[in-house]
Amino acid sequence: MAISVLADIVGSRRLDDRSSAQRTIEAAIDRVHGDLPVAVQPLAPTVGDEFQGVFGELEHALASVLLLRLALPDGLECRFGVGVGDIRTVPSAAGAIPEGPGWWAAREAIEVVHARQQRAVPALRTWVVGGGEEDALMHRQISLANAYLLSRDQVVGAMAERTRRLVYGRCLGRTQKQLAEGEGITQSAVSQALTSSGAAGVVEGYRLLIRAGAA
């Protein structure tokens, strides 16, 4: 059973420079895969404003999505639909076409994010849906993952761009001193930004995902 990830750009039609946004997202994807090379197929652009990727573990998909959210600058966001289920490809003269329950579930998850962010949960950016083949244990994992994502997206969505960069660094194990030097600010300023933003919970959640994915 694979983990399919679909991403689309939030408000892509309203961007002043769509081409620049595409390059920025692709560079961020490359950076994340370089720092956390766990994707079976790293996210890659498809059509319109979408990207597709495949992971072997749900925890790895959620960790990678977090890093990508942290890596993007202000004014540029993506929604992420995560599908759990088998995937396959259909041969075509234009190339293999991905399909299967995993992809259909990821599409449904994107639609859930879009609907919920327009109503009760505007900060939501990520959701997980099962393709209907998962066992009771995976079904429970999906429910727990979504409960976690509701809180995580709320915290990350409230962060300033610099804070997201700091949290990205902390997820990768960089010290506050190293982060301060990279940003050209004091270590005290780094500590204050991390503490006031709720970064500790985000970083610890990331580390738990990595450990669980490796188990």
N, C-alpha and C. Protein backbone atom coordinates (compact mmCIF):
# COMPACT_ATOMS: atom_id res chain seq x y z
N MET A 1 0.84 -1.19 0.00
CA MET A 1 0.00 0.00 0.00
C MET A 1 0.88 1.25 0.00
N ALA A 2 0.62 2.17 -0.91
CA ALA A 2 1.45 3.36 -1.06
C ALA A 2 0.75 4.58 -0.45
N ILE A 3 1.53 5.63 -0.28
CA ILE A 3 1.01 6.91 0.19
C ILE A 3 1.16 7.91 -0.95
N SER A 4 0.05 8.32 -1.52
CA SER A 4 0.06 9.27 -2.64
C SER A 4 -0.16 10.68 -2.10
N VAL A 5 0.57 11.63 -2.63
CA VAL A 5 0.42 13.02 -2.21
C VAL A 5 0.14 13.90 -3.43
N LEU A 6 -0.95 14.63 -3.36
CA LEU A 6 -1.26 15.66 -4.36
C LEU A 6 -1.11 17.01 -3.68
N ALA A 7 -0.54 17.96 -4.37
CA ALA A 7 -0.44 19.32 -3.86
C ALA A 7 -0.93 20.28 -4.92
N ASP A 8 -1.65 21.29 -4.50
CA ASP A 8 -1.99 22.36 -5.44
C ASP A 8 -1.70 23.70 -4.79
N ILE A 9 -1.47 24.71 -5.62
CA ILE A 9 -1.08 26.03 -5.14
C ILE A 9 -2.32 26.80 -4.72
N VAL A 10 -2.31 27.31 -3.51
CA VAL A 10 -3.42 28.10 -3.01
C VAL A 10 -3.46 29.44 -3.75
N GLY A 11 -4.61 29.76 -4.32
CA GLY A 11 -4.78 31.04 -5.01
C GLY A 11 -3.85 31.24 -6.18
N SER A 12 -3.59 30.19 -6.94
CA SER A 12 -2.62 30.29 -8.04
C SER A 12 -3.02 31.33 -9.09
N ARG A 13 -4.30 31.51 -9.31
CA ARG A 13 -4.74 32.46 -10.34
C ARG A 13 -4.56 33.91 -9.90
N ARG A 14 -4.36 34.10 -8.60
CA ARG A 14 -4.20 35.48 -8.10
C ARG A 14 -2.74 35.88 -7.94
N LEU A 15 -1.82 34.97 -8.22
CA LEU A 15 -0.40 35.27 -8.06
C LEU A 15 0.07 36.28 -9.12
N ASP A 16 0.88 37.21 -8.71
CA ASP A 16 1.39 38.22 -9.65
C ASP A 16 2.33 37.62 -10.68
N ASP A 17 3.14 36.65 -10.23
CA ASP A 17 4.12 36.03 -11.13
C ASP A 17 4.03 34.52 -10.96
N ARG A 18 3.17 33.92 -11.76
CA ARG A 18 2.93 32.47 -11.65
C ARG A 18 4.18 31.66 -11.96
N SER A 19 4.98 32.09 -12.94
CA SER A 19 6.19 31.36 -13.31
C SER A 19 7.21 31.37 -12.18
N SER A 20 7.37 32.51 -11.54
CA SER A 20 8.29 32.62 -10.41
C SER A 20 7.83 31.74 -9.26
N ALA A 21 6.52 31.70 -9.01
CA ALA A 21 5.98 30.87 -7.95
C ALA A 21 6.28 29.39 -8.22
N GLN A 22 6.12 28.98 -9.47
CA GLN A 22 6.40 27.59 -9.83
C GLN A 22 7.86 27.24 -9.55
N ARG A 23 8.77 28.14 -9.94
CA ARG A 23 10.19 27.89 -9.72
C ARG A 23 10.50 27.83 -8.22
N THR A 24 9.87 28.69 -7.45
CA THR A 24 10.11 28.71 -6.00
C THR A 24 9.66 27.42 -5.35
N ILE A 25 8.49 26.93 -5.74
CA ILE A 25 7.97 25.69 -5.17
C ILE A 25 8.85 24.50 -5.56
N GLU A 26 9.24 24.44 -6.82
CA GLU A 26 10.09 23.34 -7.27
C GLU A 26 11.44 23.35 -6.56
N ALA A 27 11.99 24.55 -6.32
CA ALA A 27 13.25 24.64 -5.58
C ALA A 27 13.06 24.19 -4.14
N ALA A 28 11.93 24.53 -3.53
CA ALA A 28 11.65 24.10 -2.17
C ALA A 28 11.48 22.59 -2.09
N ILE A 29 10.83 22.01 -3.08
CA ILE A 29 10.68 20.55 -3.13
C ILE A 29 12.04 19.87 -3.21
N ASP A 30 12.90 20.39 -4.07
CA ASP A 30 14.25 19.83 -4.21
C ASP A 30 15.01 19.93 -2.88
N ARG A 31 14.87 21.07 -2.22
CA ARG A 31 15.55 21.26 -0.94
C ARG A 31 15.07 20.25 0.09
N VAL A 32 13.75 20.10 0.19
CA VAL A 32 13.19 19.17 1.17
C VAL A 32 13.64 17.74 0.88
N HIS A 33 13.61 17.34 -0.38
CA HIS A 33 14.03 15.97 -0.71
C HIS A 33 15.51 15.78 -0.44
N GLY A 34 16.32 16.83 -0.60
CA GLY A 34 17.74 16.73 -0.27
C GLY A 34 17.97 16.59 1.22
N ASP A 35 17.16 17.30 2.02
CA ASP A 35 17.31 17.24 3.47
C ASP A 35 16.64 16.02 4.08
N LEU A 36 15.58 15.54 3.43
CA LEU A 36 14.85 14.37 3.94
C LEU A 36 14.51 13.46 2.75
N PRO A 37 15.46 12.66 2.29
CA PRO A 37 15.26 11.85 1.08
C PRO A 37 14.48 10.55 1.34
N VAL A 38 13.20 10.71 1.65
CA VAL A 38 12.38 9.54 1.99
C VAL A 38 11.31 9.25 0.94
N ALA A 39 11.12 10.13 -0.04
CA ALA A 39 10.07 9.93 -1.03
C ALA A 39 10.44 8.81 -1.99
N VAL A 40 9.47 7.97 -2.32
CA VAL A 40 9.65 6.97 -3.38
C VAL A 40 9.69 7.69 -4.73
N GLN A 41 8.81 8.64 -4.90
CA GLN A 41 8.80 9.54 -6.06
C GLN A 41 8.59 10.95 -5.51
N PRO A 42 9.61 11.79 -5.51
CA PRO A 42 9.45 13.15 -4.98
C PRO A 42 8.35 13.90 -5.72
N LEU A 43 7.74 14.85 -5.04
CA LEU A 43 6.72 15.67 -5.67
C LEU A 43 7.26 16.28 -6.96
N ALA A 44 6.45 16.24 -7.99
CA ALA A 44 6.84 16.79 -9.29
C ALA A 44 5.62 17.42 -9.93
N PRO A 45 5.80 18.49 -10.71
CA PRO A 45 4.66 19.15 -11.35
C PRO A 45 3.99 18.25 -12.37
N THR A 46 2.67 18.39 -12.46
CA THR A 46 1.91 17.61 -13.45
C THR A 46 1.23 18.59 -14.41
N VAL A 47 -0.02 18.89 -14.18
CA VAL A 47 -0.73 19.85 -15.03
C VAL A 47 -1.28 20.98 -14.16
N GLY A 48 -1.48 22.13 -14.77
CA GLY A 48 -2.04 23.25 -14.05
C GLY A 48 -1.15 23.65 -12.89
N ASP A 49 -1.73 23.70 -11.70
CA ASP A 49 -0.99 24.12 -10.51
C ASP A 49 -0.76 22.96 -9.55
N GLU A 50 -0.70 21.75 -10.08
CA GLU A 50 -0.62 20.56 -9.23
C GLU A 50 0.76 19.90 -9.25
N PHE A 51 1.02 19.15 -8.16
CA PHE A 51 2.22 18.34 -8.02
C PHE A 51 1.80 16.99 -7.47
N GLN A 52 2.55 15.94 -7.84
CA GLN A 52 2.26 14.59 -7.38
C GLN A 52 3.53 13.93 -6.86
N GLY A 53 3.39 13.14 -5.80
CA GLY A 53 4.51 12.39 -5.27
C GLY A 53 4.03 11.13 -4.58
N VAL A 54 4.96 10.23 -4.31
CA VAL A 54 4.62 8.95 -3.67
C VAL A 54 5.60 8.68 -2.54
N PHE A 55 5.08 8.20 -1.42
CA PHE A 55 5.88 7.83 -0.26
C PHE A 55 5.54 6.41 0.17
N GLY A 56 6.47 5.80 0.87
CA GLY A 56 6.24 4.44 1.35
C GLY A 56 5.57 4.38 2.70
N GLU A 57 5.69 5.47 3.48
CA GLU A 57 5.14 5.51 4.83
C GLU A 57 4.34 6.80 5.03
N LEU A 58 3.22 6.70 5.73
CA LEU A 58 2.41 7.88 6.01
C LEU A 58 3.21 8.91 6.80
N GLU A 59 4.00 8.44 7.78
CA GLU A 59 4.78 9.36 8.60
C GLU A 59 5.78 10.16 7.76
N HIS A 60 6.40 9.51 6.79
CA HIS A 60 7.36 10.20 5.94
C HIS A 60 6.65 11.25 5.07
N ALA A 61 5.47 10.92 4.58
CA ALA A 61 4.73 11.89 3.78
C ALA A 61 4.39 13.12 4.61
N LEU A 62 3.92 12.92 5.83
CA LEU A 62 3.53 14.04 6.69
C LEU A 62 4.74 14.87 7.10
N ALA A 63 5.87 14.23 7.33
CA ALA A 63 7.10 14.96 7.68
C ALA A 63 7.57 15.80 6.50
N SER A 64 7.54 15.25 5.31
CA SER A 64 7.98 15.98 4.12
C SER A 64 7.07 17.15 3.81
N VAL A 65 5.77 16.95 3.96
CA VAL A 65 4.82 18.04 3.74
C VAL A 65 5.08 19.17 4.73
N LEU A 66 5.36 18.84 5.97
CA LEU A 66 5.67 19.86 6.96
C LEU A 66 6.89 20.69 6.53
N LEU A 67 7.97 20.02 6.15
CA LEU A 67 9.16 20.75 5.73
C LEU A 67 8.87 21.65 4.53
N LEU A 68 8.07 21.17 3.61
CA LEU A 68 7.76 21.98 2.44
C LEU A 68 6.95 23.22 2.83
N ARG A 69 6.00 23.06 3.73
CA ARG A 69 5.26 24.22 4.21
C ARG A 69 6.18 25.23 4.86
N LEU A 70 7.12 24.75 5.64
CA LEU A 70 8.06 25.63 6.33
C LEU A 70 9.01 26.32 5.35
N ALA A 71 9.31 25.66 4.24
CA ALA A 71 10.30 26.18 3.29
C ALA A 71 9.74 27.25 2.37
N LEU A 72 8.42 27.34 2.24
CA LEU A 72 7.84 28.30 1.30
C LEU A 72 7.77 29.70 1.90
N PRO A 73 7.96 30.72 1.08
CA PRO A 73 7.93 32.11 1.58
C PRO A 73 6.50 32.59 1.81
N ASP A 74 6.37 33.72 2.49
CA ASP A 74 5.06 34.33 2.67
C ASP A 74 4.40 34.57 1.31
N GLY A 75 3.10 34.39 1.28
CA GLY A 75 2.36 34.64 0.05
C GLY A 75 2.31 33.47 -0.91
N LEU A 76 2.93 32.36 -0.54
CA LEU A 76 2.95 31.19 -1.42
C LEU A 76 2.70 29.94 -0.59
N GLU A 77 1.55 29.33 -0.79
CA GLU A 77 1.15 28.16 -0.02
C GLU A 77 0.61 27.07 -0.94
N CYS A 78 0.63 25.85 -0.42
CA CYS A 78 0.03 24.72 -1.12
C CYS A 78 -0.94 24.00 -0.20
N ARG A 79 -1.93 23.39 -0.81
CA ARG A 79 -2.78 22.41 -0.11
C ARG A 79 -2.21 21.03 -0.41
N PHE A 80 -2.38 20.12 0.54
CA PHE A 80 -1.85 18.77 0.36
C PHE A 80 -2.94 17.74 0.64
N GLY A 81 -3.20 16.89 -0.34
CA GLY A 81 -4.09 15.76 -0.15
C GLY A 81 -3.26 14.49 -0.10
N VAL A 82 -3.41 13.74 0.97
CA VAL A 82 -2.63 12.52 1.17
C VAL A 82 -3.57 11.33 1.07
N GLY A 83 -3.30 10.42 0.14
CA GLY A 83 -4.14 9.26 -0.07
C GLY A 83 -3.43 7.97 0.30
N VAL A 84 -4.12 7.11 1.02
CA VAL A 84 -3.58 5.82 1.43
C VAL A 84 -4.27 4.73 0.63
N GLY A 85 -3.51 4.01 -0.19
CA GLY A 85 -4.11 2.95 -0.99
C GLY A 85 -3.23 2.56 -2.16
N ASP A 86 -3.59 1.50 -2.81
CA ASP A 86 -2.82 1.01 -3.94
C ASP A 86 -2.86 2.02 -5.09
N ILE A 87 -1.77 2.07 -5.83
CA ILE A 87 -1.69 2.93 -7.01
C ILE A 87 -1.18 2.10 -8.18
N ARG A 88 -1.45 2.56 -9.37
CA ARG A 88 -0.99 1.88 -10.57
C ARG A 88 -0.90 2.91 -11.67
N THR A 89 -0.41 2.49 -12.81
CA THR A 89 -0.33 3.38 -13.96
C THR A 89 -1.02 2.73 -15.16
N VAL A 90 -1.60 3.56 -15.97
CA VAL A 90 -2.25 3.11 -17.20
C VAL A 90 -1.38 3.55 -18.37
N PRO A 91 -0.92 2.62 -19.21
CA PRO A 91 -0.09 3.00 -20.36
C PRO A 91 -0.82 3.94 -21.30
N SER A 92 -0.10 4.89 -21.84
CA SER A 92 -0.68 5.86 -22.77
C SER A 92 0.40 6.31 -23.74
N ALA A 93 -0.01 6.72 -24.90
CA ALA A 93 0.94 7.22 -25.88
C ALA A 93 1.65 8.47 -25.37
N ALA A 94 1.00 9.18 -24.46
CA ALA A 94 1.59 10.40 -23.89
C ALA A 94 2.41 10.10 -22.64
N GLY A 95 2.48 8.82 -22.25
CA GLY A 95 3.20 8.45 -21.02
C GLY A 95 2.26 7.78 -20.04
N ALA A 96 2.82 7.17 -19.01
CA ALA A 96 2.02 6.45 -18.03
C ALA A 96 1.13 7.42 -17.25
N ILE A 97 -0.14 7.02 -17.08
CA ILE A 97 -1.11 7.84 -16.35
C ILE A 97 -1.33 7.21 -14.98
N PRO A 98 -1.03 7.92 -13.88
CA PRO A 98 -1.23 7.35 -12.56
C PRO A 98 -2.71 7.30 -12.18
N GLU A 99 -3.12 6.19 -11.57
CA GLU A 99 -4.49 6.07 -11.09
C GLU A 99 -4.54 5.01 -9.99
N GLY A 100 -5.71 4.75 -9.49
CA GLY A 100 -5.87 3.76 -8.44
C GLY A 100 -6.44 4.39 -7.18
N PRO A 101 -6.86 3.57 -6.21
CA PRO A 101 -7.50 4.07 -4.99
C PRO A 101 -6.67 5.09 -4.23
N GLY A 102 -5.34 4.94 -4.24
CA GLY A 102 -4.50 5.89 -3.53
C GLY A 102 -4.60 7.29 -4.11
N TRP A 103 -4.57 7.39 -5.44
CA TRP A 103 -4.68 8.69 -6.09
C TRP A 103 -6.07 9.28 -5.94
N TRP A 104 -7.09 8.43 -6.04
CA TRP A 104 -8.46 8.93 -5.88
C TRP A 104 -8.66 9.45 -4.45
N ALA A 105 -8.06 8.76 -3.48
CA ALA A 105 -8.17 9.21 -2.09
C ALA A 105 -7.43 10.54 -1.90
N ALA A 106 -6.28 10.70 -2.52
CA ALA A 106 -5.54 11.97 -2.42
C ALA A 106 -6.35 13.11 -3.02
N ARG A 107 -7.02 12.86 -4.12
CA ARG A 107 -7.88 13.88 -4.75
C ARG A 107 -9.01 14.26 -3.80
N GLU A 108 -9.62 13.25 -3.19
CA GLU A 108 -10.69 13.52 -2.22
C GLU A 108 -10.17 14.34 -1.05
N ALA A 109 -8.95 14.03 -0.60
CA ALA A 109 -8.36 14.76 0.53
C ALA A 109 -8.15 16.23 0.19
N ILE A 110 -7.70 16.52 -1.04
CA ILE A 110 -7.55 17.91 -1.48
C ILE A 110 -8.90 18.63 -1.41
N GLU A 111 -9.95 17.95 -1.83
CA GLU A 111 -11.27 18.56 -1.81
C GLU A 111 -11.74 18.82 -0.39
N VAL A 112 -11.39 17.92 0.53
CA VAL A 112 -11.73 18.13 1.94
C VAL A 112 -11.04 19.38 2.48
N VAL A 113 -9.74 19.51 2.17
CA VAL A 113 -8.99 20.69 2.63
C VAL A 113 -9.64 21.96 2.10
N HIS A 114 -9.95 21.97 0.82
CA HIS A 114 -10.52 23.16 0.20
C HIS A 114 -11.86 23.52 0.85
N ALA A 115 -12.70 22.53 1.09
CA ALA A 115 -14.01 22.78 1.68
C ALA A 115 -13.89 23.26 3.12
N ARG A 116 -13.02 22.61 3.89
CA ARG A 116 -12.92 22.96 5.31
C ARG A 116 -12.25 24.31 5.53
N GLN A 117 -11.29 24.66 4.68
CA GLN A 117 -10.62 25.94 4.89
C GLN A 117 -11.55 27.10 4.51
N GLN A 118 -12.58 26.82 3.74
CA GLN A 118 -13.54 27.86 3.40
C GLN A 118 -14.62 28.00 4.45
N ARG A 119 -14.66 27.03 5.40
CA ARG A 119 -15.70 27.08 6.42
C ARG A 119 -15.07 27.21 7.80
N ALA A 120 -15.00 26.14 8.55
CA ALA A 120 -14.65 26.22 9.97
C ALA A 120 -13.16 26.25 10.25
N VAL A 121 -12.32 25.77 9.30
CA VAL A 121 -10.89 25.63 9.59
C VAL A 121 -10.07 26.31 8.49
N PRO A 122 -10.03 27.64 8.47
CA PRO A 122 -9.33 28.34 7.39
C PRO A 122 -7.84 28.07 7.32
N ALA A 123 -7.22 27.64 8.42
CA ALA A 123 -5.77 27.39 8.42
C ALA A 123 -5.42 25.99 7.92
N LEU A 124 -6.40 25.13 7.70
CA LEU A 124 -6.12 23.76 7.28
C LEU A 124 -5.48 23.73 5.90
N ARG A 125 -4.42 22.95 5.76
CA ARG A 125 -3.74 22.81 4.48
C ARG A 125 -3.46 21.35 4.11
N THR A 126 -3.69 20.41 5.04
CA THR A 126 -3.31 19.02 4.80
C THR A 126 -4.39 18.09 5.34
N TRP A 127 -4.68 17.02 4.58
CA TRP A 127 -5.67 16.03 5.05
C TRP A 127 -5.30 14.67 4.49
N VAL A 128 -5.72 13.63 5.19
CA VAL A 128 -5.44 12.25 4.79
C VAL A 128 -6.76 11.52 4.59
N VAL A 129 -6.86 10.77 3.50
CA VAL A 129 -8.04 9.95 3.21
C VAL A 129 -7.58 8.56 2.81
N GLY A 130 -8.27 7.55 3.31
CA GLY A 130 -7.98 6.17 2.92
C GLY A 130 -8.73 5.78 1.66
N GLY A 131 -8.13 4.89 0.88
CA GLY A 131 -8.74 4.45 -0.37
C GLY A 131 -9.77 3.36 -0.21
N GLY A 132 -10.05 2.97 1.03
CA GLY A 132 -11.07 1.95 1.29
C GLY A 132 -10.53 0.56 1.45
N GLU A 133 -9.21 0.38 1.23
CA GLU A 133 -8.61 -0.96 1.34
C GLU A 133 -7.86 -1.14 2.65
N GLU A 134 -7.73 -0.04 3.42
CA GLU A 134 -6.90 -0.10 4.62
C GLU A 134 -7.59 -0.92 5.72
N ASP A 135 -6.75 -1.54 6.57
CA ASP A 135 -7.30 -2.31 7.69
C ASP A 135 -7.68 -1.37 8.83
N ALA A 136 -8.20 -1.95 9.92
CA ALA A 136 -8.69 -1.14 11.04
C ALA A 136 -7.57 -0.32 11.66
N LEU A 137 -6.36 -0.88 11.72
CA LEU A 137 -5.24 -0.17 12.31
C LEU A 137 -4.88 1.06 11.49
N MET A 138 -4.81 0.92 10.17
CA MET A 138 -4.50 2.06 9.31
C MET A 138 -5.63 3.08 9.35
N HIS A 139 -6.85 2.62 9.41
CA HIS A 139 -7.98 3.54 9.51
C HIS A 139 -7.86 4.40 10.76
N ARG A 140 -7.43 3.79 11.85
CA ARG A 140 -7.23 4.53 13.09
C ARG A 140 -6.06 5.50 12.96
N GLN A 141 -5.00 5.06 12.30
CA GLN A 141 -3.85 5.95 12.08
C GLN A 141 -4.24 7.18 11.27
N ILE A 142 -5.09 6.99 10.29
CA ILE A 142 -5.53 8.11 9.46
C ILE A 142 -6.32 9.11 10.31
N SER A 143 -7.20 8.61 11.17
CA SER A 143 -7.98 9.49 12.03
C SER A 143 -7.08 10.27 12.98
N LEU A 144 -6.09 9.59 13.55
CA LEU A 144 -5.16 10.27 14.46
C LEU A 144 -4.31 11.29 13.70
N ALA A 145 -3.90 10.93 12.49
CA ALA A 145 -3.11 11.86 11.68
C ALA A 145 -3.88 13.13 11.39
N ASN A 146 -5.15 13.02 11.06
CA ASN A 146 -5.94 14.19 10.76
C ASN A 146 -6.16 15.07 11.99
N ALA A 147 -6.33 14.43 13.15
CA ALA A 147 -6.45 15.21 14.39
C ALA A 147 -5.16 16.01 14.63
N TYR A 148 -4.03 15.38 14.38
CA TYR A 148 -2.73 16.05 14.52
C TYR A 148 -2.58 17.18 13.51
N LEU A 149 -3.00 16.94 12.27
CA LEU A 149 -2.84 17.94 11.21
C LEU A 149 -3.68 19.19 11.46
N LEU A 150 -4.85 19.03 12.04
CA LEU A 150 -5.69 20.18 12.35
C LEU A 150 -4.95 21.16 13.24
N SER A 151 -4.26 20.63 14.24
CA SER A 151 -3.51 21.48 15.16
C SER A 151 -2.22 21.98 14.51
N ARG A 152 -1.50 21.10 13.84
CA ARG A 152 -0.22 21.48 13.24
C ARG A 152 -0.39 22.60 12.23
N ASP A 153 -1.38 22.47 11.36
CA ASP A 153 -1.58 23.49 10.33
C ASP A 153 -1.96 24.83 10.95
N GLN A 154 -2.69 24.79 12.04
CA GLN A 154 -3.07 26.04 12.72
C GLN A 154 -1.82 26.76 13.23
N VAL A 155 -0.92 26.00 13.85
CA VAL A 155 0.30 26.59 14.41
C VAL A 155 1.22 27.10 13.30
N VAL A 156 1.47 26.28 12.29
CA VAL A 156 2.37 26.67 11.20
C VAL A 156 1.80 27.85 10.42
N GLY A 157 0.48 27.86 10.22
CA GLY A 157 -0.14 28.92 9.46
C GLY A 157 -0.02 30.29 10.11
N ALA A 158 0.18 30.31 11.42
CA ALA A 158 0.30 31.57 12.14
C ALA A 158 1.75 32.07 12.21
N MET A 159 2.70 31.28 11.72
CA MET A 159 4.11 31.66 11.82
C MET A 159 4.52 32.66 10.75
N ALA A 160 5.42 33.57 11.12
CA ALA A 160 6.03 34.46 10.15
C ALA A 160 7.06 33.69 9.33
N GLU A 161 7.43 34.26 8.20
CA GLU A 161 8.35 33.57 7.29
C GLU A 161 9.68 33.24 7.97
N ARG A 162 10.26 34.18 8.71
CA ARG A 162 11.53 33.90 9.38
C ARG A 162 11.36 32.79 10.41
N THR A 163 10.25 32.80 11.13
CA THR A 163 10.03 31.76 12.13
C THR A 163 9.95 30.39 11.46
N ARG A 164 9.31 30.32 10.31
CA ARG A 164 9.24 29.04 9.60
C ARG A 164 10.64 28.57 9.22
N ARG A 165 11.48 29.49 8.80
CA ARG A 165 12.86 29.10 8.47
C ARG A 165 13.57 28.55 9.71
N LEU A 166 13.36 29.19 10.84
CA LEU A 166 13.99 28.73 12.08
C LEU A 166 13.48 27.34 12.48
N VAL A 167 12.19 27.14 12.33
CA VAL A 167 11.60 25.84 12.69
C VAL A 167 12.12 24.75 11.74
N TYR A 168 12.25 25.09 10.47
CA TYR A 168 12.83 24.15 9.50
C TYR A 168 14.21 23.71 9.98
N GLY A 169 15.01 24.68 10.37
CA GLY A 169 16.35 24.36 10.85
C GLY A 169 16.34 23.51 12.10
N ARG A 170 15.44 23.81 13.02
CA ARG A 170 15.36 23.01 14.24
C ARG A 170 14.93 21.58 13.94
N CYS A 171 14.03 21.42 12.98
CA CYS A 171 13.61 20.06 12.60
C CYS A 171 14.81 19.24 12.12
N LEU A 172 15.75 19.91 11.46
CA LEU A 172 16.93 19.22 10.94
C LEU A 172 18.05 19.12 11.97
N GLY A 173 17.80 19.60 13.18
CA GLY A 173 18.78 19.45 14.25
C GLY A 173 19.76 20.59 14.40
N ARG A 174 19.53 21.70 13.71
CA ARG A 174 20.45 22.83 13.85
C ARG A 174 20.23 23.52 15.20
N THR A 175 21.30 24.00 15.78
CA THR A 175 21.22 24.66 17.09
C THR A 175 20.72 26.09 16.93
N GLN A 176 20.26 26.65 18.05
CA GLN A 176 19.82 28.05 18.01
C GLN A 176 20.98 28.97 17.63
N LYS A 177 22.19 28.64 18.07
CA LYS A 177 23.35 29.45 17.73
C LYS A 177 23.58 29.43 16.22
N GLN A 178 23.51 28.25 15.61
CA GLN A 178 23.69 28.14 14.16
C GLN A 178 22.61 28.92 13.41
N LEU A 179 21.37 28.83 13.89
CA LEU A 179 20.28 29.54 13.24
C LEU A 179 20.46 31.05 13.36
N ALA A 180 20.89 31.49 14.52
CA ALA A 180 21.11 32.92 14.73
C ALA A 180 22.17 33.45 13.78
N GLU A 181 23.25 32.70 13.62
CA GLU A 181 24.31 33.12 12.71
C GLU A 181 23.81 33.17 11.27
N GLY A 182 23.00 32.21 10.89
CA GLY A 182 22.48 32.19 9.53
C GLY A 182 21.53 33.33 9.23
N GLU A 183 20.77 33.76 10.25
CA GLU A 183 19.80 34.84 10.07
C GLU A 183 20.39 36.21 10.36
N GLY A 184 21.58 36.23 10.97
CA GLY A 184 22.16 37.51 11.33
C GLY A 184 21.45 38.18 12.48
N ILE A 185 20.94 37.38 13.42
CA ILE A 185 20.25 37.90 14.60
C ILE A 185 20.84 37.25 15.84
N THR A 186 20.40 37.68 17.00
CA THR A 186 20.94 37.13 18.24
C THR A 186 20.29 35.79 18.56
N GLN A 187 20.99 34.99 19.36
CA GLN A 187 20.42 33.71 19.79
C GLN A 187 19.16 33.94 20.63
N SER A 188 19.16 35.04 21.39
CA SER A 188 17.98 35.37 22.19
C SER A 188 16.77 35.62 21.30
N ALA A 189 16.98 36.28 20.16
CA ALA A 189 15.88 36.54 19.23
C ALA A 189 15.35 35.24 18.63
N VAL A 190 16.25 34.31 18.35
CA VAL A 190 15.83 33.00 17.85
C VAL A 190 14.99 32.28 18.89
N SER A 191 15.47 32.27 20.13
CA SER A 191 14.76 31.60 21.21
C SER A 191 13.37 32.20 21.42
N GLN A 192 13.30 33.51 21.37
CA GLN A 192 12.02 34.18 21.56
C GLN A 192 11.04 33.84 20.44
N ALA A 193 11.53 33.85 19.20
CA ALA A 193 10.66 33.54 18.07
C ALA A 193 10.14 32.11 18.14
N LEU A 194 11.01 31.18 18.51
CA LEU A 194 10.59 29.78 18.60
C LEU A 194 9.61 29.57 19.73
N THR A 195 9.87 30.20 20.86
CA THR A 195 9.00 30.01 22.03
C THR A 195 7.62 30.59 21.80
N SER A 196 7.55 31.80 21.26
CA SER A 196 6.27 32.48 21.10
C SER A 196 5.40 31.88 20.00
N SER A 197 6.02 31.13 19.08
CA SER A 197 5.27 30.58 17.94
C SER A 197 4.74 29.17 18.16
N GLY A 198 5.12 28.55 19.29
CA GLY A 198 4.72 27.16 19.51
C GLY A 198 5.55 26.17 18.72
N ALA A 199 6.77 26.58 18.35
CA ALA A 199 7.62 25.76 17.50
C ALA A 199 8.02 24.45 18.14
N ALA A 200 8.16 24.42 19.45
CA ALA A 200 8.65 23.21 20.12
C ALA A 200 7.76 22.01 19.81
N GLY A 201 6.45 22.22 19.84
CA GLY A 201 5.54 21.11 19.54
C GLY A 201 5.64 20.66 18.11
N VAL A 202 5.81 21.60 17.18
CA VAL A 202 5.94 21.25 15.76
C VAL A 202 7.21 20.45 15.53
N VAL A 203 8.31 20.89 16.13
CA VAL A 203 9.59 20.21 15.95
C VAL A 203 9.54 18.82 16.57
N GLU A 204 8.99 18.70 17.76
CA GLU A 204 8.92 17.38 18.39
C GLU A 204 8.00 16.46 17.62
N GLY A 205 6.91 17.00 17.08
CA GLY A 205 6.02 16.18 16.25
C GLY A 205 6.74 15.67 15.01
N TYR A 206 7.55 16.51 14.40
CA TYR A 206 8.35 16.10 13.24
C TYR A 206 9.28 14.95 13.61
N ARG A 207 9.96 15.08 14.73
CA ARG A 207 10.91 14.04 15.14
C ARG A 207 10.21 12.73 15.44
N LEU A 208 9.01 12.81 16.01
CA LEU A 208 8.25 11.58 16.27
C LEU A 208 7.84 10.92 14.96
N LEU A 209 7.47 11.72 13.96
CA LEU A 209 7.12 11.15 12.65
C LEU A 209 8.31 10.43 12.03
N ILE A 210 9.49 11.05 12.12
CA ILE A 210 10.68 10.44 11.53
C ILE A 210 11.01 9.12 12.23
N ARG A 211 10.91 9.12 13.55
CA ARG A 211 11.20 7.87 14.28
C ARG A 211 10.17 6.79 13.95
N ALA A 212 8.90 7.17 13.87
CA ALA A 212 7.86 6.19 13.56
C ALA A 212 8.02 5.65 12.14
N GLY A 213 8.40 6.51 11.21
CA GLY A 213 8.58 6.07 9.83
C GLY A 213 9.74 5.13 9.65
N ALA A 214 10.73 5.25 10.54
CA ALA A 214 11.92 4.40 10.44
C ALA A 214 11.75 3.09 11.19
N ALA A 215 10.70 2.99 12.00
CA ALA A 215 10.53 1.79 12.84
C ALA A 215 10.11 0.57 12.00
